[in-house]
């Protein structure tokens, strides 16, 4: 009788496997069950069931990063604080 299942073997980063296994354990799953679920979703969606894109920062993030660089380089003058307490007091005074 022909087997209804087949084995696959994949190479994965050891730390990634450990992190994934911990998450799956918390969900009450194991790696084999998860792989089967992922393959079923691939089949059901007729493609990868999540976005596969190169992560690119949006315009707002790029502007914030540039502003941070400008502050660090002295192009934008900002108020400086010597302690968190000093910052909190200033914030409370603005209320």
N, C-alpha and C. Protein backbone atom coordinates (compact mmCIF):
# COMPACT_ATOMS: atom_id res chain seq x y z
N UNK A 1 0.84 -1.18 0.00
CA UNK A 1 0.00 0.00 0.00
C UNK A 1 0.89 1.25 0.00
N UNK A 2 0.53 2.21 -0.82
CA UNK A 2 1.31 3.43 -0.94
C UNK A 2 1.09 4.32 0.28
N UNK A 3 2.16 4.94 0.76
CA UNK A 3 2.07 5.84 1.91
C UNK A 3 1.30 7.10 1.54
N UNK A 4 0.47 7.57 2.45
CA UNK A 4 -0.30 8.79 2.23
C UNK A 4 0.47 10.03 2.65
N UNK A 5 1.60 9.85 3.28
CA UNK A 5 2.43 10.98 3.70
C UNK A 5 3.82 10.83 3.15
N UNK A 6 4.53 11.94 3.13
CA UNK A 6 5.92 11.93 2.70
C UNK A 6 6.71 12.86 3.60
N UNK A 7 7.98 12.65 3.68
CA UNK A 7 8.83 13.47 4.55
C UNK A 7 9.53 14.55 3.73
N UNK A 8 9.75 15.68 4.38
CA UNK A 8 10.58 16.72 3.78
C UNK A 8 11.65 17.08 4.81
N UNK A 9 12.74 17.59 4.32
CA UNK A 9 13.83 18.00 5.19
C UNK A 9 14.25 19.41 4.77
N UNK A 10 14.36 20.30 5.74
CA UNK A 10 14.78 21.67 5.45
C UNK A 10 15.90 22.07 6.40
N UNK A 11 16.73 22.97 5.94
CA UNK A 11 17.79 23.52 6.78
C UNK A 11 17.32 24.87 7.29
N UNK A 12 17.50 25.12 8.59
CA UNK A 12 17.05 26.36 9.20
C UNK A 12 18.07 26.77 10.26
N UNK A 13 18.18 28.05 10.45
CA UNK A 13 19.05 28.58 11.48
C UNK A 13 18.64 28.00 12.83
N UNK A 14 19.62 27.56 13.61
CA UNK A 14 19.35 26.89 14.89
C UNK A 14 18.55 27.79 15.84
N UNK A 15 18.92 29.06 15.94
CA UNK A 15 18.22 29.99 16.84
C UNK A 15 16.79 30.22 16.36
N UNK A 16 16.61 30.37 15.03
CA UNK A 16 15.26 30.55 14.50
C UNK A 16 14.38 29.35 14.82
N UNK A 17 14.94 28.16 14.70
CA UNK A 17 14.18 26.95 15.01
C UNK A 17 13.76 26.93 16.47
N UNK A 18 14.68 27.31 17.34
CA UNK A 18 14.39 27.32 18.77
C UNK A 18 13.28 28.33 19.08
N UNK A 19 13.39 29.54 18.52
CA UNK A 19 12.38 30.57 18.76
C UNK A 19 11.02 30.13 18.21
N UNK A 20 11.02 29.55 17.01
CA UNK A 20 9.77 29.08 16.41
C UNK A 20 9.15 27.97 17.25
N UNK A 21 9.96 27.03 17.68
CA UNK A 21 9.45 25.93 18.50
C UNK A 21 8.83 26.44 19.80
N UNK A 22 9.44 27.45 20.41
CA UNK A 22 8.89 28.01 21.65
C UNK A 22 7.52 28.64 21.40
N UNK A 23 7.39 29.38 20.30
CA UNK A 23 6.10 29.99 19.97
C UNK A 23 5.06 28.92 19.71
N UNK A 24 5.44 27.92 18.91
CA UNK A 24 4.50 26.85 18.58
C UNK A 24 4.08 26.09 19.83
N UNK A 25 5.01 25.85 20.74
CA UNK A 25 4.69 25.14 21.98
C UNK A 25 3.64 25.93 22.77
N UNK A 26 3.83 27.27 22.84
CA UNK A 26 2.86 28.11 23.55
C UNK A 26 1.47 28.04 22.90
N UNK A 27 1.44 27.79 21.59
CA UNK A 27 0.18 27.68 20.86
C UNK A 27 -0.39 26.27 20.88
N UNK A 28 0.34 25.35 21.49
CA UNK A 28 -0.11 23.96 21.53
C UNK A 28 0.13 23.22 20.24
N UNK A 29 1.11 23.69 19.47
CA UNK A 29 1.43 23.07 18.18
C UNK A 29 2.87 22.58 18.19
N UNK A 30 3.19 21.78 17.19
CA UNK A 30 4.57 21.39 16.97
C UNK A 30 4.97 21.79 15.55
N UNK A 31 6.22 21.66 15.22
CA UNK A 31 6.73 22.12 13.93
C UNK A 31 6.05 21.38 12.77
N UNK A 32 5.86 20.09 12.91
CA UNK A 32 5.25 19.30 11.84
C UNK A 32 3.83 19.78 11.55
N UNK A 33 3.06 20.01 12.60
CA UNK A 33 1.68 20.49 12.44
C UNK A 33 1.68 21.86 11.77
N UNK A 34 2.60 22.73 12.21
CA UNK A 34 2.67 24.08 11.64
C UNK A 34 3.03 24.02 10.16
N UNK A 35 4.01 23.21 9.80
CA UNK A 35 4.41 23.10 8.40
C UNK A 35 3.23 22.60 7.56
N UNK A 36 2.51 21.62 8.08
CA UNK A 36 1.33 21.12 7.36
C UNK A 36 0.28 22.22 7.21
N UNK A 37 0.07 23.02 8.26
CA UNK A 37 -0.88 24.13 8.18
C UNK A 37 -0.44 25.15 7.13
N UNK A 38 0.84 25.47 7.13
CA UNK A 38 1.37 26.45 6.18
C UNK A 38 1.21 25.96 4.74
N UNK A 39 1.48 24.68 4.52
CA UNK A 39 1.33 24.12 3.17
C UNK A 39 -0.13 24.12 2.75
N UNK A 40 -1.04 23.78 3.66
CA UNK A 40 -2.47 23.81 3.34
C UNK A 40 -2.90 25.24 2.97
N UNK A 41 -2.41 26.23 3.69
CA UNK A 41 -2.73 27.62 3.37
C UNK A 41 -2.15 28.03 2.02
N UNK A 42 -0.95 27.59 1.72
CA UNK A 42 -0.34 27.84 0.41
C UNK A 42 -1.23 27.30 -0.70
N UNK A 43 -1.73 26.10 -0.50
CA UNK A 43 -2.62 25.46 -1.48
C UNK A 43 -3.95 26.20 -1.56
N UNK A 44 -4.55 26.49 -0.41
CA UNK A 44 -5.86 27.18 -0.37
C UNK A 44 -5.81 28.56 -1.00
N UNK A 45 -4.73 29.29 -0.79
CA UNK A 45 -4.59 30.65 -1.31
C UNK A 45 -4.02 30.66 -2.73
N UNK A 46 -3.56 29.49 -3.18
CA UNK A 46 -2.91 29.38 -4.49
C UNK A 46 -1.71 30.33 -4.59
N UNK A 47 -1.01 30.44 -3.48
CA UNK A 47 0.16 31.30 -3.40
C UNK A 47 0.58 31.44 -1.95
N UNK A 48 1.63 32.19 -1.74
CA UNK A 48 2.13 32.41 -0.39
C UNK A 48 1.07 33.18 0.41
N UNK A 49 0.68 32.68 1.58
CA UNK A 49 -0.43 33.28 2.33
C UNK A 49 -0.06 34.52 3.15
N UNK A 50 1.01 35.17 2.79
CA UNK A 50 1.41 36.42 3.45
C UNK A 50 2.22 37.22 2.46
N UNK A 51 2.33 38.53 2.72
CA UNK A 51 3.09 39.38 1.81
C UNK A 51 4.56 39.02 1.85
N UNK A 52 5.14 38.89 0.68
CA UNK A 52 6.57 38.67 0.56
C UNK A 52 7.12 39.90 -0.14
N UNK A 53 7.66 40.81 0.66
CA UNK A 53 8.13 42.08 0.13
C UNK A 53 9.45 42.45 0.79
N UNK A 54 10.18 43.32 0.14
CA UNK A 54 11.36 43.90 0.76
C UNK A 54 10.86 45.01 1.67
N UNK A 55 11.13 44.92 2.97
CA UNK A 55 10.63 45.96 3.87
C UNK A 55 11.29 47.30 3.54
N UNK A 56 10.46 48.30 3.32
CA UNK A 56 10.95 49.65 3.04
C UNK A 56 10.27 50.59 4.01
N UNK A 57 11.05 51.47 4.61
CA UNK A 57 10.43 52.43 5.54
C UNK A 57 9.50 53.37 4.80
N UNK A 58 8.38 53.73 5.44
CA UNK A 58 7.45 54.66 4.81
C UNK A 58 7.99 56.09 4.92
N UNK A 59 7.30 57.01 4.25
CA UNK A 59 7.74 58.40 4.18
C UNK A 59 7.84 59.01 5.58
N UNK A 60 6.86 58.73 6.44
CA UNK A 60 6.85 59.29 7.79
C UNK A 60 8.08 58.84 8.58
N UNK A 61 8.42 57.56 8.48
CA UNK A 61 9.59 57.06 9.19
C UNK A 61 10.87 57.69 8.65
N UNK A 62 10.99 57.79 7.32
CA UNK A 62 12.18 58.41 6.73
C UNK A 62 12.33 59.86 7.19
N UNK A 63 11.21 60.59 7.25
CA UNK A 63 11.27 61.97 7.71
C UNK A 63 11.68 62.05 9.18
N UNK A 64 11.17 61.15 10.00
CA UNK A 64 11.52 61.13 11.43
C UNK A 64 13.00 60.79 11.61
N UNK A 65 13.50 59.84 10.83
CA UNK A 65 14.92 59.49 10.91
C UNK A 65 15.79 60.68 10.50
N UNK A 66 15.38 61.39 9.46
CA UNK A 66 16.14 62.55 9.01
C UNK A 66 16.12 63.65 10.08
N UNK A 67 14.97 63.84 10.70
CA UNK A 67 14.86 64.83 11.76
C UNK A 67 15.80 64.48 12.92
N UNK A 68 15.84 63.20 13.28
CA UNK A 68 16.74 62.76 14.34
C UNK A 68 18.19 63.02 13.99
N UNK A 69 18.56 62.73 12.74
CA UNK A 69 19.93 63.01 12.28
C UNK A 69 20.22 64.50 12.34
N UNK A 70 19.26 65.33 11.91
CA UNK A 70 19.44 66.78 11.91
C UNK A 70 19.61 67.31 13.34
N UNK A 71 18.88 66.73 14.28
CA UNK A 71 19.02 67.13 15.68
C UNK A 71 20.41 66.75 16.19
N UNK A 72 20.82 65.52 15.91
CA UNK A 72 22.14 65.06 16.35
C UNK A 72 23.27 65.88 15.74
N UNK A 73 23.08 66.31 14.50
CA UNK A 73 24.13 67.06 13.80
C UNK A 73 24.04 68.56 14.04
N UNK A 74 23.09 68.99 14.88
CA UNK A 74 22.98 70.41 15.22
C UNK A 74 22.27 71.26 14.19
N UNK A 75 21.71 70.65 13.17
CA UNK A 75 20.98 71.41 12.15
C UNK A 75 19.65 71.91 12.68
N UNK A 76 19.08 71.19 13.63
CA UNK A 76 17.84 71.59 14.29
C UNK A 76 18.16 71.76 15.77
N UNK A 77 17.87 72.93 16.30
CA UNK A 77 18.13 73.19 17.72
C UNK A 77 16.93 72.72 18.54
N UNK A 78 17.21 71.95 19.57
CA UNK A 78 16.16 71.45 20.45
C UNK A 78 16.59 71.66 21.89
N UNK A 79 15.61 71.63 22.75
CA UNK A 79 15.89 71.75 24.18
C UNK A 79 16.57 70.46 24.64
N UNK A 80 17.57 70.58 25.47
CA UNK A 80 18.30 69.42 25.99
C UNK A 80 17.97 69.24 27.47
N UNK A 81 17.98 68.00 27.90
CA UNK A 81 17.73 67.67 29.30
C UNK A 81 18.89 66.87 29.85
N UNK A 82 19.16 67.07 31.12
CA UNK A 82 20.27 66.36 31.75
C UNK A 82 19.80 65.13 32.52
N UNK A 83 18.46 65.00 32.66
CA UNK A 83 17.93 63.83 33.36
C UNK A 83 16.49 63.61 32.94
N UNK A 84 16.01 62.42 33.17
CA UNK A 84 14.62 62.10 32.88
C UNK A 84 13.72 62.94 33.78
N UNK A 85 14.13 63.15 35.03
CA UNK A 85 13.36 63.95 35.96
C UNK A 85 13.15 65.36 35.42
N UNK A 86 14.20 65.93 34.87
CA UNK A 86 14.13 67.27 34.29
C UNK A 86 13.15 67.30 33.11
N UNK A 87 13.18 66.27 32.29
CA UNK A 87 12.26 66.17 31.15
C UNK A 87 10.81 66.08 31.64
N UNK A 88 10.57 65.21 32.61
CA UNK A 88 9.21 65.02 33.13
C UNK A 88 8.69 66.31 33.75
N UNK A 89 9.52 67.01 34.50
CA UNK A 89 9.10 68.28 35.09
C UNK A 89 8.72 69.28 34.00
N UNK A 90 9.50 69.34 32.95
CA UNK A 90 9.20 70.24 31.84
C UNK A 90 7.90 69.86 31.15
N UNK A 91 7.68 68.58 30.97
CA UNK A 91 6.43 68.11 30.35
C UNK A 91 5.22 68.46 31.23
N UNK A 92 5.38 68.27 32.53
CA UNK A 92 4.28 68.58 33.46
C UNK A 92 3.97 70.07 33.49
N UNK A 93 4.98 70.91 33.31
CA UNK A 93 4.78 72.36 33.30
C UNK A 93 4.05 72.82 32.05
N UNK A 94 4.12 72.03 30.98
CA UNK A 94 3.43 72.37 29.73
C UNK A 94 1.95 72.06 29.79
N UNK A 95 1.53 71.31 30.79
CA UNK A 95 0.12 70.88 30.85
C UNK A 95 -0.78 71.99 31.30
